[in-house]
Amino acid sequence: AGVLHVVEALAGSSGVYAIRPDRE
């Protein structure tokens, strides 16, 4: 769908995050 996903490797927050405009 064209949504950017970012892998976060920081301990305690590690996971895959979806980044959408104007949203957390």
PDBML (XML) file of the C-alpha atoms, coordinates in Angstrom:
<?xml version="1.0" encoding="UTF-8" ?>
<PDBx:datablock datablockName="MODEL"
   xmlns:PDBx="http://pdbml.pdb.org/schema/pdbx-v50.xsd"
   xmlns:xsi="http://www.w3.org/2001/XMLSchema-instance"
   xsi:schemaLocation="http://pdbml.pdb.org/schema/pdbx-v50.xsd pdbx-v50.xsd">
   <PDBx:atom_siteCategory>
      <PDBx:atom_site id="1">
         <PDBx:B_iso_or_equiv>0.00</PDBx:B_iso_or_equiv>
         <PDBx:Cartn_x>0.000</PDBx:Cartn_x>
         <PDBx:Cartn_y>0.000</PDBx:Cartn_y>
         <PDBx:Cartn_z>0.000</PDBx:Cartn_z>
         <PDBx:auth_asym_id>A</PDBx:auth_asym_id>
         <PDBx:auth_atom_id>CA</PDBx:auth_atom_id>
         <PDBx:auth_comp_id>ALA</PDBx:auth_comp_id>
         <PDBx:auth_seq_id>1</PDBx:auth_seq_id>
         <PDBx:group_PDB>ATOM</PDBx:group_PDB>
         <PDBx:label_alt_id xsi:nil="true" />
         <PDBx:label_asym_id>A</PDBx:label_asym_id>
         <PDBx:label_atom_id>CA</PDBx:label_atom_id>
         <PDBx:label_comp_id>ALA</PDBx:label_comp_id>
         <PDBx:label_entity_id>1</PDBx:label_entity_id>
         <PDBx:label_seq_id>1</PDBx:label_seq_id>
         <PDBx:occupancy>1.00</PDBx:occupancy>
         <PDBx:pdbx_PDB_model_num>1</PDBx:pdbx_PDB_model_num>
         <PDBx:type_symbol>C</PDBx:type_symbol>
      </PDBx:atom_site>
      <PDBx:atom_site id="2">
         <PDBx:B_iso_or_equiv>0.00</PDBx:B_iso_or_equiv>
         <PDBx:Cartn_x>3.062</PDBx:Cartn_x>
         <PDBx:Cartn_y>2.270</PDBx:Cartn_y>
         <PDBx:Cartn_z>-0.088</PDBx:Cartn_z>
         <PDBx:auth_asym_id>A</PDBx:auth_asym_id>
         <PDBx:auth_atom_id>CA</PDBx:auth_atom_id>
         <PDBx:auth_comp_id>GLY</PDBx:auth_comp_id>
         <PDBx:auth_seq_id>2</PDBx:auth_seq_id>
         <PDBx:group_PDB>ATOM</PDBx:group_PDB>
         <PDBx:label_alt_id xsi:nil="true" />
         <PDBx:label_asym_id>A</PDBx:label_asym_id>
         <PDBx:label_atom_id>CA</PDBx:label_atom_id>
         <PDBx:label_comp_id>GLY</PDBx:label_comp_id>
         <PDBx:label_entity_id>1</PDBx:label_entity_id>
         <PDBx:label_seq_id>2</PDBx:label_seq_id>
         <PDBx:occupancy>1.00</PDBx:occupancy>
         <PDBx:pdbx_PDB_model_num>1</PDBx:pdbx_PDB_model_num>
         <PDBx:type_symbol>C</PDBx:type_symbol>
      </PDBx:atom_site>
      <PDBx:atom_site id="3">
         <PDBx:B_iso_or_equiv>0.00</PDBx:B_iso_or_equiv>
         <PDBx:Cartn_x>3.444</PDBx:Cartn_x>
         <PDBx:Cartn_y>2.559</PDBx:Cartn_y>
         <PDBx:Cartn_z>3.704</PDBx:Cartn_z>
         <PDBx:auth_asym_id>A</PDBx:auth_asym_id>
         <PDBx:auth_atom_id>CA</PDBx:auth_atom_id>
         <PDBx:auth_comp_id>VAL</PDBx:auth_comp_id>
         <PDBx:auth_seq_id>3</PDBx:auth_seq_id>
         <PDBx:group_PDB>ATOM</PDBx:group_PDB>
         <PDBx:label_alt_id xsi:nil="true" />
         <PDBx:label_asym_id>A</PDBx:label_asym_id>
         <PDBx:label_atom_id>CA</PDBx:label_atom_id>
         <PDBx:label_comp_id>VAL</PDBx:label_comp_id>
         <PDBx:label_entity_id>1</PDBx:label_entity_id>
         <PDBx:label_seq_id>3</PDBx:label_seq_id>
         <PDBx:occupancy>1.00</PDBx:occupancy>
         <PDBx:pdbx_PDB_model_num>1</PDBx:pdbx_PDB_model_num>
         <PDBx:type_symbol>C</PDBx:type_symbol>
      </PDBx:atom_site>
      <PDBx:atom_site id="4">
         <PDBx:B_iso_or_equiv>0.00</PDBx:B_iso_or_equiv>
         <PDBx:Cartn_x>7.022</PDBx:Cartn_x>
         <PDBx:Cartn_y>2.843</PDBx:Cartn_y>
         <PDBx:Cartn_z>4.964</PDBx:Cartn_z>
         <PDBx:auth_asym_id>A</PDBx:auth_asym_id>
         <PDBx:auth_atom_id>CA</PDBx:auth_atom_id>
         <PDBx:auth_comp_id>LEU</PDBx:auth_comp_id>
         <PDBx:auth_seq_id>4</PDBx:auth_seq_id>
         <PDBx:group_PDB>ATOM</PDBx:group_PDB>
         <PDBx:label_alt_id xsi:nil="true" />
         <PDBx:label_asym_id>A</PDBx:label_asym_id>
         <PDBx:label_atom_id>CA</PDBx:label_atom_id>
         <PDBx:label_comp_id>LEU</PDBx:label_comp_id>
         <PDBx:label_entity_id>1</PDBx:label_entity_id>
         <PDBx:label_seq_id>4</PDBx:label_seq_id>
         <PDBx:occupancy>1.00</PDBx:occupancy>
         <PDBx:pdbx_PDB_model_num>1</PDBx:pdbx_PDB_model_num>
         <PDBx:type_symbol>C</PDBx:type_symbol>
      </PDBx:atom_site>
      <PDBx:atom_site id="5">
         <PDBx:B_iso_or_equiv>0.00</PDBx:B_iso_or_equiv>
         <PDBx:Cartn_x>8.101</PDBx:Cartn_x>
         <PDBx:Cartn_y>0.292</PDBx:Cartn_y>
         <PDBx:Cartn_z>7.587</PDBx:Cartn_z>
         <PDBx:auth_asym_id>A</PDBx:auth_asym_id>
         <PDBx:auth_atom_id>CA</PDBx:auth_atom_id>
         <PDBx:auth_comp_id>HIS</PDBx:auth_comp_id>
         <PDBx:auth_seq_id>5</PDBx:auth_seq_id>
         <PDBx:group_PDB>ATOM</PDBx:group_PDB>
         <PDBx:label_alt_id xsi:nil="true" />
         <PDBx:label_asym_id>A</PDBx:label_asym_id>
         <PDBx:label_atom_id>CA</PDBx:label_atom_id>
         <PDBx:label_comp_id>HIS</PDBx:label_comp_id>
         <PDBx:label_entity_id>1</PDBx:label_entity_id>
         <PDBx:label_seq_id>5</PDBx:label_seq_id>
         <PDBx:occupancy>1.00</PDBx:occupancy>
         <PDBx:pdbx_PDB_model_num>1</PDBx:pdbx_PDB_model_num>
         <PDBx:type_symbol>C</PDBx:type_symbol>
      </PDBx:atom_site>
      <PDBx:atom_site id="6">
         <PDBx:B_iso_or_equiv>0.00</PDBx:B_iso_or_equiv>
         <PDBx:Cartn_x>11.199</PDBx:Cartn_x>
         <PDBx:Cartn_y>0.758</PDBx:Cartn_y>
         <PDBx:Cartn_z>9.733</PDBx:Cartn_z>
         <PDBx:auth_asym_id>A</PDBx:auth_asym_id>
         <PDBx:auth_atom_id>CA</PDBx:auth_atom_id>
         <PDBx:auth_comp_id>VAL</PDBx:auth_comp_id>
         <PDBx:auth_seq_id>6</PDBx:auth_seq_id>
         <PDBx:group_PDB>ATOM</PDBx:group_PDB>
         <PDBx:label_alt_id xsi:nil="true" />
         <PDBx:label_asym_id>A</PDBx:label_asym_id>
         <PDBx:label_atom_id>CA</PDBx:label_atom_id>
         <PDBx:label_comp_id>VAL</PDBx:label_comp_id>
         <PDBx:label_entity_id>1</PDBx:label_entity_id>
         <PDBx:label_seq_id>6</PDBx:label_seq_id>
         <PDBx:occupancy>1.00</PDBx:occupancy>
         <PDBx:pdbx_PDB_model_num>1</PDBx:pdbx_PDB_model_num>
         <PDBx:type_symbol>C</PDBx:type_symbol>
      </PDBx:atom_site>
      <PDBx:atom_site id="7">
         <PDBx:B_iso_or_equiv>0.00</PDBx:B_iso_or_equiv>
         <PDBx:Cartn_x>12.997</PDBx:Cartn_x>
         <PDBx:Cartn_y>-1.826</PDBx:Cartn_y>
         <PDBx:Cartn_z>11.834</PDBx:Cartn_z>
         <PDBx:auth_asym_id>A</PDBx:auth_asym_id>
         <PDBx:auth_atom_id>CA</PDBx:auth_atom_id>
         <PDBx:auth_comp_id>VAL</PDBx:auth_comp_id>
         <PDBx:auth_seq_id>7</PDBx:auth_seq_id>
         <PDBx:group_PDB>ATOM</PDBx:group_PDB>
         <PDBx:label_alt_id xsi:nil="true" />
         <PDBx:label_asym_id>A</PDBx:label_asym_id>
         <PDBx:label_atom_id>CA</PDBx:label_atom_id>
         <PDBx:label_comp_id>VAL</PDBx:label_comp_id>
         <PDBx:label_entity_id>1</PDBx:label_entity_id>
         <PDBx:label_seq_id>7</PDBx:label_seq_id>
         <PDBx:occupancy>1.00</PDBx:occupancy>
         <PDBx:pdbx_PDB_model_num>1</PDBx:pdbx_PDB_model_num>
         <PDBx:type_symbol>C</PDBx:type_symbol>
      </PDBx:atom_site>
      <PDBx:atom_site id="8">
         <PDBx:B_iso_or_equiv>0.00</PDBx:B_iso_or_equiv>
         <PDBx:Cartn_x>13.998</PDBx:Cartn_x>
         <PDBx:Cartn_y>-0.412</PDBx:Cartn_y>
         <PDBx:Cartn_z>15.233</PDBx:Cartn_z>
         <PDBx:auth_asym_id>A</PDBx:auth_asym_id>
         <PDBx:auth_atom_id>CA</PDBx:auth_atom_id>
         <PDBx:auth_comp_id>GLU</PDBx:auth_comp_id>
         <PDBx:auth_seq_id>8</PDBx:auth_seq_id>
         <PDBx:group_PDB>ATOM</PDBx:group_PDB>
         <PDBx:label_alt_id xsi:nil="true" />
         <PDBx:label_asym_id>A</PDBx:label_asym_id>
         <PDBx:label_atom_id>CA</PDBx:label_atom_id>
         <PDBx:label_comp_id>GLU</PDBx:label_comp_id>
         <PDBx:label_entity_id>1</PDBx:label_entity_id>
         <PDBx:label_seq_id>8</PDBx:label_seq_id>
         <PDBx:occupancy>1.00</PDBx:occupancy>
         <PDBx:pdbx_PDB_model_num>1</PDBx:pdbx_PDB_model_num>
         <PDBx:type_symbol>C</PDBx:type_symbol>
      </PDBx:atom_site>
      <PDBx:atom_site id="9">
         <PDBx:B_iso_or_equiv>0.00</PDBx:B_iso_or_equiv>
         <PDBx:Cartn_x>16.792</PDBx:Cartn_x>
         <PDBx:Cartn_y>-2.374</PDBx:Cartn_y>
         <PDBx:Cartn_z>16.933</PDBx:Cartn_z>
         <PDBx:auth_asym_id>A</PDBx:auth_asym_id>
         <PDBx:auth_atom_id>CA</PDBx:auth_atom_id>
         <PDBx:auth_comp_id>ALA</PDBx:auth_comp_id>
         <PDBx:auth_seq_id>9</PDBx:auth_seq_id>
         <PDBx:group_PDB>ATOM</PDBx:group_PDB>
         <PDBx:label_alt_id xsi:nil="true" />
         <PDBx:label_asym_id>A</PDBx:label_asym_id>
         <PDBx:label_atom_id>CA</PDBx:label_atom_id>
         <PDBx:label_comp_id>ALA</PDBx:label_comp_id>
         <PDBx:label_entity_id>1</PDBx:label_entity_id>
         <PDBx:label_seq_id>9</PDBx:label_seq_id>
         <PDBx:occupancy>1.00</PDBx:occupancy>
         <PDBx:pdbx_PDB_model_num>1</PDBx:pdbx_PDB_model_num>
         <PDBx:type_symbol>C</PDBx:type_symbol>
      </PDBx:atom_site>
      <PDBx:atom_site id="10">
         <PDBx:B_iso_or_equiv>0.00</PDBx:B_iso_or_equiv>
         <PDBx:Cartn_x>17.072</PDBx:Cartn_x>
         <PDBx:Cartn_y>-0.404</PDBx:Cartn_y>
         <PDBx:Cartn_z>20.171</PDBx:Cartn_z>
         <PDBx:auth_asym_id>A</PDBx:auth_asym_id>
         <PDBx:auth_atom_id>CA</PDBx:auth_atom_id>
         <PDBx:auth_comp_id>LEU</PDBx:auth_comp_id>
         <PDBx:auth_seq_id>10</PDBx:auth_seq_id>
         <PDBx:group_PDB>ATOM</PDBx:group_PDB>
         <PDBx:label_alt_id xsi:nil="true" />
         <PDBx:label_asym_id>A</PDBx:label_asym_id>
         <PDBx:label_atom_id>CA</PDBx:label_atom_id>
         <PDBx:label_comp_id>LEU</PDBx:label_comp_id>
         <PDBx:label_entity_id>1</PDBx:label_entity_id>
         <PDBx:label_seq_id>10</PDBx:label_seq_id>
         <PDBx:occupancy>1.00</PDBx:occupancy>
         <PDBx:pdbx_PDB_model_num>1</PDBx:pdbx_PDB_model_num>
         <PDBx:type_symbol>C</PDBx:type_symbol>
      </PDBx:atom_site>
      <PDBx:atom_site id="11">
         <PDBx:B_iso_or_equiv>0.00</PDBx:B_iso_or_equiv>
         <PDBx:Cartn_x>16.695</PDBx:Cartn_x>
         <PDBx:Cartn_y>-2.694</PDBx:Cartn_y>
         <PDBx:Cartn_z>23.191</PDBx:Cartn_z>
         <PDBx:auth_asym_id>A</PDBx:auth_asym_id>
         <PDBx:auth_atom_id>CA</PDBx:auth_atom_id>
         <PDBx:auth_comp_id>ALA</PDBx:auth_comp_id>
         <PDBx:auth_seq_id>11</PDBx:auth_seq_id>
         <PDBx:group_PDB>ATOM</PDBx:group_PDB>
         <PDBx:label_alt_id xsi:nil="true" />
         <PDBx:label_asym_id>A</PDBx:label_asym_id>
         <PDBx:label_atom_id>CA</PDBx:label_atom_id>
         <PDBx:label_comp_id>ALA</PDBx:label_comp_id>
         <PDBx:label_entity_id>1</PDBx:label_entity_id>
         <PDBx:label_seq_id>11</PDBx:label_seq_id>
         <PDBx:occupancy>1.00</PDBx:occupancy>
         <PDBx:pdbx_PDB_model_num>1</PDBx:pdbx_PDB_model_num>
         <PDBx:type_symbol>C</PDBx:type_symbol>
      </PDBx:atom_site>
      <PDBx:atom_site id="12">
         <PDBx:B_iso_or_equiv>0.00</PDBx:B_iso_or_equiv>
         <PDBx:Cartn_x>13.307</PDBx:Cartn_x>
         <PDBx:Cartn_y>-2.181</PDBx:Cartn_y>
         <PDBx:Cartn_z>24.804</PDBx:Cartn_z>
         <PDBx:auth_asym_id>A</PDBx:auth_asym_id>
         <PDBx:auth_atom_id>CA</PDBx:auth_atom_id>
         <PDBx:auth_comp_id>GLY</PDBx:auth_comp_id>
         <PDBx:auth_seq_id>12</PDBx:auth_seq_id>
         <PDBx:group_PDB>ATOM</PDBx:group_PDB>
         <PDBx:label_alt_id xsi:nil="true" />
         <PDBx:label_asym_id>A</PDBx:label_asym_id>
         <PDBx:label_atom_id>CA</PDBx:label_atom_id>
         <PDBx:label_comp_id>GLY</PDBx:label_comp_id>
         <PDBx:label_entity_id>1</PDBx:label_entity_id>
         <PDBx:label_seq_id>12</PDBx:label_seq_id>
         <PDBx:occupancy>1.00</PDBx:occupancy>
         <PDBx:pdbx_PDB_model_num>1</PDBx:pdbx_PDB_model_num>
         <PDBx:type_symbol>C</PDBx:type_symbol>
      </PDBx:atom_site>
      <PDBx:atom_site id="13">
         <PDBx:B_iso_or_equiv>0.00</PDBx:B_iso_or_equiv>
         <PDBx:Cartn_x>11.769</PDBx:Cartn_x>
         <PDBx:Cartn_y>-0.767</PDBx:Cartn_y>
         <PDBx:Cartn_z>21.639</PDBx:Cartn_z>
         <PDBx:auth_asym_id>A</PDBx:auth_asym_id>
         <PDBx:auth_atom_id>CA</PDBx:auth_atom_id>
         <PDBx:auth_comp_id>SER</PDBx:auth_comp_id>
         <PDBx:auth_seq_id>13</PDBx:auth_seq_id>
         <PDBx:group_PDB>ATOM</PDBx:group_PDB>
         <PDBx:label_alt_id xsi:nil="true" />
         <PDBx:label_asym_id>A</PDBx:label_asym_id>
         <PDBx:label_atom_id>CA</PDBx:label_atom_id>
         <PDBx:label_comp_id>SER</PDBx:label_comp_id>
         <PDBx:label_entity_id>1</PDBx:label_entity_id>
         <PDBx:label_seq_id>13</PDBx:label_seq_id>
         <PDBx:occupancy>1.00</PDBx:occupancy>
         <PDBx:pdbx_PDB_model_num>1</PDBx:pdbx_PDB_model_num>
         <PDBx:type_symbol>C</PDBx:type_symbol>
      </PDBx:atom_site>
      <PDBx:atom_site id="14">
         <PDBx:B_iso_or_equiv>0.00</PDBx:B_iso_or_equiv>
         <PDBx:Cartn_x>12.852</PDBx:Cartn_x>
         <PDBx:Cartn_y>-3.368</PDBx:Cartn_y>
         <PDBx:Cartn_z>19.104</PDBx:Cartn_z>
         <PDBx:auth_asym_id>A</PDBx:auth_asym_id>
         <PDBx:auth_atom_id>CA</PDBx:auth_atom_id>
         <PDBx:auth_comp_id>SER</PDBx:auth_comp_id>
         <PDBx:auth_seq_id>14</PDBx:auth_seq_id>
         <PDBx:group_PDB>ATOM</PDBx:group_PDB>
         <PDBx:label_alt_id xsi:nil="true" />
         <PDBx:label_asym_id>A</PDBx:label_asym_id>
         <PDBx:label_atom_id>CA</PDBx:label_atom_id>
         <PDBx:label_comp_id>SER</PDBx:label_comp_id>
         <PDBx:label_entity_id>1</PDBx:label_entity_id>
         <PDBx:label_seq_id>14</PDBx:label_seq_id>
         <PDBx:occupancy>1.00</PDBx:occupancy>
         <PDBx:pdbx_PDB_model_num>1</PDBx:pdbx_PDB_model_num>
         <PDBx:type_symbol>C</PDBx:type_symbol>
      </PDBx:atom_site>
      <PDBx:atom_site id="15">
         <PDBx:B_iso_or_equiv>0.00</PDBx:B_iso_or_equiv>
         <PDBx:Cartn_x>10.281</PDBx:Cartn_x>
         <PDBx:Cartn_y>-4.073</PDBx:Cartn_y>
         <PDBx:Cartn_z>16.427</PDBx:Cartn_z>
         <PDBx:auth_asym_id>A</PDBx:auth_asym_id>
         <PDBx:auth_atom_id>CA</PDBx:auth_atom_id>
         <PDBx:auth_comp_id>GLY</PDBx:auth_comp_id>
         <PDBx:auth_seq_id>15</PDBx:auth_seq_id>
         <PDBx:group_PDB>ATOM</PDBx:group_PDB>
         <PDBx:label_alt_id xsi:nil="true" />
         <PDBx:label_asym_id>A</PDBx:label_asym_id>
         <PDBx:label_atom_id>CA</PDBx:label_atom_id>
         <PDBx:label_comp_id>GLY</PDBx:label_comp_id>
         <PDBx:label_entity_id>1</PDBx:label_entity_id>
         <PDBx:label_seq_id>15</PDBx:label_seq_id>
         <PDBx:occupancy>1.00</PDBx:occupancy>
         <PDBx:pdbx_PDB_model_num>1</PDBx:pdbx_PDB_model_num>
         <PDBx:type_symbol>C</PDBx:type_symbol>
      </PDBx:atom_site>
      <PDBx:atom_site id="16">
         <PDBx:B_iso_or_equiv>0.00</PDBx:B_iso_or_equiv>
         <PDBx:Cartn_x>8.866</PDBx:Cartn_x>
         <PDBx:Cartn_y>-3.081</PDBx:Cartn_y>
         <PDBx:Cartn_z>13.057</PDBx:Cartn_z>
         <PDBx:auth_asym_id>A</PDBx:auth_asym_id>
         <PDBx:auth_atom_id>CA</PDBx:auth_atom_id>
         <PDBx:auth_comp_id>VAL</PDBx:auth_comp_id>
         <PDBx:auth_seq_id>16</PDBx:auth_seq_id>
         <PDBx:group_PDB>ATOM</PDBx:group_PDB>
         <PDBx:label_alt_id xsi:nil="true" />
         <PDBx:label_asym_id>A</PDBx:label_asym_id>
         <PDBx:label_atom_id>CA</PDBx:label_atom_id>
         <PDBx:label_comp_id>VAL</PDBx:label_comp_id>
         <PDBx:label_entity_id>1</PDBx:label_entity_id>
         <PDBx:label_seq_id>16</PDBx:label_seq_id>
         <PDBx:occupancy>1.00</PDBx:occupancy>
         <PDBx:pdbx_PDB_model_num>1</PDBx:pdbx_PDB_model_num>
         <PDBx:type_symbol>C</PDBx:type_symbol>
      </PDBx:atom_site>
      <PDBx:atom_site id="17">
         <PDBx:B_iso_or_equiv>0.00</PDBx:B_iso_or_equiv>
         <PDBx:Cartn_x>7.065</PDBx:Cartn_x>
         <PDBx:Cartn_y>0.264</PDBx:Cartn_y>
         <PDBx:Cartn_z>12.907</PDBx:Cartn_z>
         <PDBx:auth_asym_id>A</PDBx:auth_asym_id>
         <PDBx:auth_atom_id>CA</PDBx:auth_atom_id>
         <PDBx:auth_comp_id>TYR</PDBx:auth_comp_id>
         <PDBx:auth_seq_id>17</PDBx:auth_seq_id>
         <PDBx:group_PDB>ATOM</PDBx:group_PDB>
         <PDBx:label_alt_id xsi:nil="true" />
         <PDBx:label_asym_id>A</PDBx:label_asym_id>
         <PDBx:label_atom_id>CA</PDBx:label_atom_id>
         <PDBx:label_comp_id>TYR</PDBx:label_comp_id>
         <PDBx:label_entity_id>1</PDBx:label_entity_id>
         <PDBx:label_seq_id>17</PDBx:label_seq_id>
         <PDBx:occupancy>1.00</PDBx:occupancy>
         <PDBx:pdbx_PDB_model_num>1</PDBx:pdbx_PDB_model_num>
         <PDBx:type_symbol>C</PDBx:type_symbol>
      </PDBx:atom_site>
      <PDBx:atom_site id="18">
         <PDBx:B_iso_or_equiv>0.00</PDBx:B_iso_or_equiv>
         <PDBx:Cartn_x>4.703</PDBx:Cartn_x>
         <PDBx:Cartn_y>1.607</PDBx:Cartn_y>
         <PDBx:Cartn_z>10.244</PDBx:Cartn_z>
         <PDBx:auth_asym_id>A</PDBx:auth_asym_id>
         <PDBx:auth_atom_id>CA</PDBx:auth_atom_id>
         <PDBx:auth_comp_id>ALA</PDBx:auth_comp_id>
         <PDBx:auth_seq_id>18</PDBx:auth_seq_id>
         <PDBx:group_PDB>ATOM</PDBx:group_PDB>
         <PDBx:label_alt_id xsi:nil="true" />
         <PDBx:label_asym_id>A</PDBx:label_asym_id>
         <PDBx:label_atom_id>CA</PDBx:label_atom_id>
         <PDBx:label_comp_id>ALA</PDBx:label_comp_id>
         <PDBx:label_entity_id>1</PDBx:label_entity_id>
         <PDBx:label_seq_id>18</PDBx:label_seq_id>
         <PDBx:occupancy>1.00</PDBx:occupancy>
         <PDBx:pdbx_PDB_model_num>1</PDBx:pdbx_PDB_model_num>
         <PDBx:type_symbol>C</PDBx:type_symbol>
      </PDBx:atom_site>
      <PDBx:atom_site id="19">
         <PDBx:B_iso_or_equiv>0.00</PDBx:B_iso_or_equiv>
         <PDBx:Cartn_x>5.285</PDBx:Cartn_x>
         <PDBx:Cartn_y>5.297</PDBx:Cartn_y>
         <PDBx:Cartn_z>9.436</PDBx:Cartn_z>
         <PDBx:auth_asym_id>A</PDBx:auth_asym_id>
         <PDBx:auth_atom_id>CA</PDBx:auth_atom_id>
         <PDBx:auth_comp_id>ILE</PDBx:auth_comp_id>
         <PDBx:auth_seq_id>19</PDBx:auth_seq_id>
         <PDBx:group_PDB>ATOM</PDBx:group_PDB>
         <PDBx:label_alt_id xsi:nil="true" />
         <PDBx:label_asym_id>A</PDBx:label_asym_id>
         <PDBx:label_atom_id>CA</PDBx:label_atom_id>
         <PDBx:label_comp_id>ILE</PDBx:label_comp_id>
         <PDBx:label_entity_id>1</PDBx:label_entity_id>
         <PDBx:label_seq_id>19</PDBx:label_seq_id>
         <PDBx:occupancy>1.00</PDBx:occupancy>
         <PDBx:pdbx_PDB_model_num>1</PDBx:pdbx_PDB_model_num>
         <PDBx:type_symbol>C</PDBx:type_symbol>
      </PDBx:atom_site>
      <PDBx:atom_site id="20">
         <PDBx:B_iso_or_equiv>0.00</PDBx:B_iso_or_equiv>
         <PDBx:Cartn_x>2.257</PDBx:Cartn_x>
         <PDBx:Cartn_y>7.182</PDBx:Cartn_y>
         <PDBx:Cartn_z>8.135</PDBx:Cartn_z>
         <PDBx:auth_asym_id>A</PDBx:auth_asym_id>
         <PDBx:auth_atom_id>CA</PDBx:auth_atom_id>
         <PDBx:auth_comp_id>ARG</PDBx:auth_comp_id>
         <PDBx:auth_seq_id>20</PDBx:auth_seq_id>
         <PDBx:group_PDB>ATOM</PDBx:group_PDB>
         <PDBx:label_alt_id xsi:nil="true" />
         <PDBx:label_asym_id>A</PDBx:label_asym_id>
         <PDBx:label_atom_id>CA</PDBx:label_atom_id>
         <PDBx:label_comp_id>ARG</PDBx:label_comp_id>
         <PDBx:label_entity_id>1</PDBx:label_entity_id>
         <PDBx:label_seq_id>20</PDBx:label_seq_id>
         <PDBx:occupancy>1.00</PDBx:occupancy>
         <PDBx:pdbx_PDB_model_num>1</PDBx:pdbx_PDB_model_num>
         <PDBx:type_symbol>C</PDBx:type_symbol>
      </PDBx:atom_site>
      <PDBx:atom_site id="21">
         <PDBx:B_iso_or_equiv>0.00</PDBx:B_iso_or_equiv>
         <PDBx:Cartn_x>1.920</PDBx:Cartn_x>
         <PDBx:Cartn_y>10.937</PDBx:Cartn_y>
         <PDBx:Cartn_z>7.586</PDBx:Cartn_z>
         <PDBx:auth_asym_id>A</PDBx:auth_asym_id>
         <PDBx:auth_atom_id>CA</PDBx:auth_atom_id>
         <PDBx:auth_comp_id>PRO</PDBx:auth_comp_id>
         <PDBx:auth_seq_id>21</PDBx:auth_seq_id>
         <PDBx:group_PDB>ATOM</PDBx:group_PDB>
         <PDBx:label_alt_id xsi:nil="true" />
         <PDBx:label_asym_id>A</PDBx:label_asym_id>
         <PDBx:label_atom_id>CA</PDBx:label_atom_id>
         <PDBx:label_comp_id>PRO</PDBx:label_comp_id>
         <PDBx:label_entity_id>1</PDBx:label_entity_id>
         <PDBx:label_seq_id>21</PDBx:label_seq_id>
         <PDBx:occupancy>1.00</PDBx:occupancy>
         <PDBx:pdbx_PDB_model_num>1</PDBx:pdbx_PDB_model_num>
         <PDBx:type_symbol>C</PDBx:type_symbol>
      </PDBx:atom_site>
      <PDBx:atom_site id="22">
         <PDBx:B_iso_or_equiv>0.00</PDBx:B_iso_or_equiv>
         <PDBx:Cartn_x>0.620</PDBx:Cartn_x>
         <PDBx:Cartn_y>12.918</PDBx:Cartn_y>
         <PDBx:Cartn_z>10.562</PDBx:Cartn_z>
         <PDBx:auth_asym_id>A</PDBx:auth_asym_id>
         <PDBx:auth_atom_id>CA</PDBx:auth_atom_id>
         <PDBx:auth_comp_id>ASP</PDBx:auth_comp_id>
         <PDBx:auth_seq_id>22</PDBx:auth_seq_id>
         <PDBx:group_PDB>ATOM</PDBx:group_PDB>
         <PDBx:label_alt_id xsi:nil="true" />
         <PDBx:label_asym_id>A</PDBx:label_asym_id>
         <PDBx:label_atom_id>CA</PDBx:label_atom_id>
         <PDBx:label_comp_id>ASP</PDBx:label_comp_id>
         <PDBx:label_entity_id>1</PDBx:label_entity_id>
         <PDBx:label_seq_id>22</PDBx:label_seq_id>
         <PDBx:occupancy>1.00</PDBx:occupancy>
         <PDBx:pdbx_PDB_model_num>1</PDBx:pdbx_PDB_model_num>
         <PDBx:type_symbol>C</PDBx:type_symbol>
      </PDBx:atom_site>
      <PDBx:atom_site id="23">
         <PDBx:B_iso_or_equiv>0.00</PDBx:B_iso_or_equiv>
         <PDBx:Cartn_x>0.436</PDBx:Cartn_x>
         <PDBx:Cartn_y>9.851</PDBx:Cartn_y>
         <PDBx:Cartn_z>12.806</PDBx:Cartn_z>
         <PDBx:auth_asym_id>A</PDBx:auth_asym_id>
         <PDBx:auth_atom_id>CA</PDBx:auth_atom_id>
         <PDBx:auth_comp_id>ARG</PDBx:auth_comp_id>
         <PDBx:auth_seq_id>23</PDBx:auth_seq_id>
         <PDBx:group_PDB>ATOM</PDBx:group_PDB>
         <PDBx:label_alt_id xsi:nil="true" />
         <PDBx:label_asym_id>A</PDBx:label_asym_id>
         <PDBx:label_atom_id>CA</PDBx:label_atom_id>
         <PDBx:label_comp_id>ARG</PDBx:label_comp_id>
         <PDBx:label_entity_id>1</PDBx:label_entity_id>
         <PDBx:label_seq_id>23</PDBx:label_seq_id>
         <PDBx:occupancy>1.00</PDBx:occupancy>
         <PDBx:pdbx_PDB_model_num>1</PDBx:pdbx_PDB_model_num>
         <PDBx:type_symbol>C</PDBx:type_symbol>
      </PDBx:atom_site>
      <PDBx:atom_site id="24">
         <PDBx:B_iso_or_equiv>0.00</PDBx:B_iso_or_equiv>
         <PDBx:Cartn_x>2.604</PDBx:Cartn_x>
         <PDBx:Cartn_y>8.400</PDBx:Cartn_y>
         <PDBx:Cartn_z>15.534</PDBx:Cartn_z>
         <PDBx:auth_asym_id>A</PDBx:auth_asym_id>
         <PDBx:auth_atom_id>CA</PDBx:auth_atom_id>
         <PDBx:auth_comp_id>GLU</PDBx:auth_comp_id>
         <PDBx:auth_seq_id>24</PDBx:auth_seq_id>
         <PDBx:group_PDB>ATOM</PDBx:group_PDB>
         <PDBx:label_alt_id xsi:nil="true" />
         <PDBx:label_asym_id>A</PDBx:label_asym_id>
         <PDBx:label_atom_id>CA</PDBx:label_atom_id>
         <PDBx:label_comp_id>GLU</PDBx:label_comp_id>
         <PDBx:label_entity_id>1</PDBx:label_entity_id>
         <PDBx:label_seq_id>24</PDBx:label_seq_id>
         <PDBx:occupancy>1.00</PDBx:occupancy>
         <PDBx:pdbx_PDB_model_num>1</PDBx:pdbx_PDB_model_num>
         <PDBx:type_symbol>C</PDBx:type_symbol>
      </PDBx:atom_site>
   </PDBx:atom_siteCategory>
</PDBx:datablock>
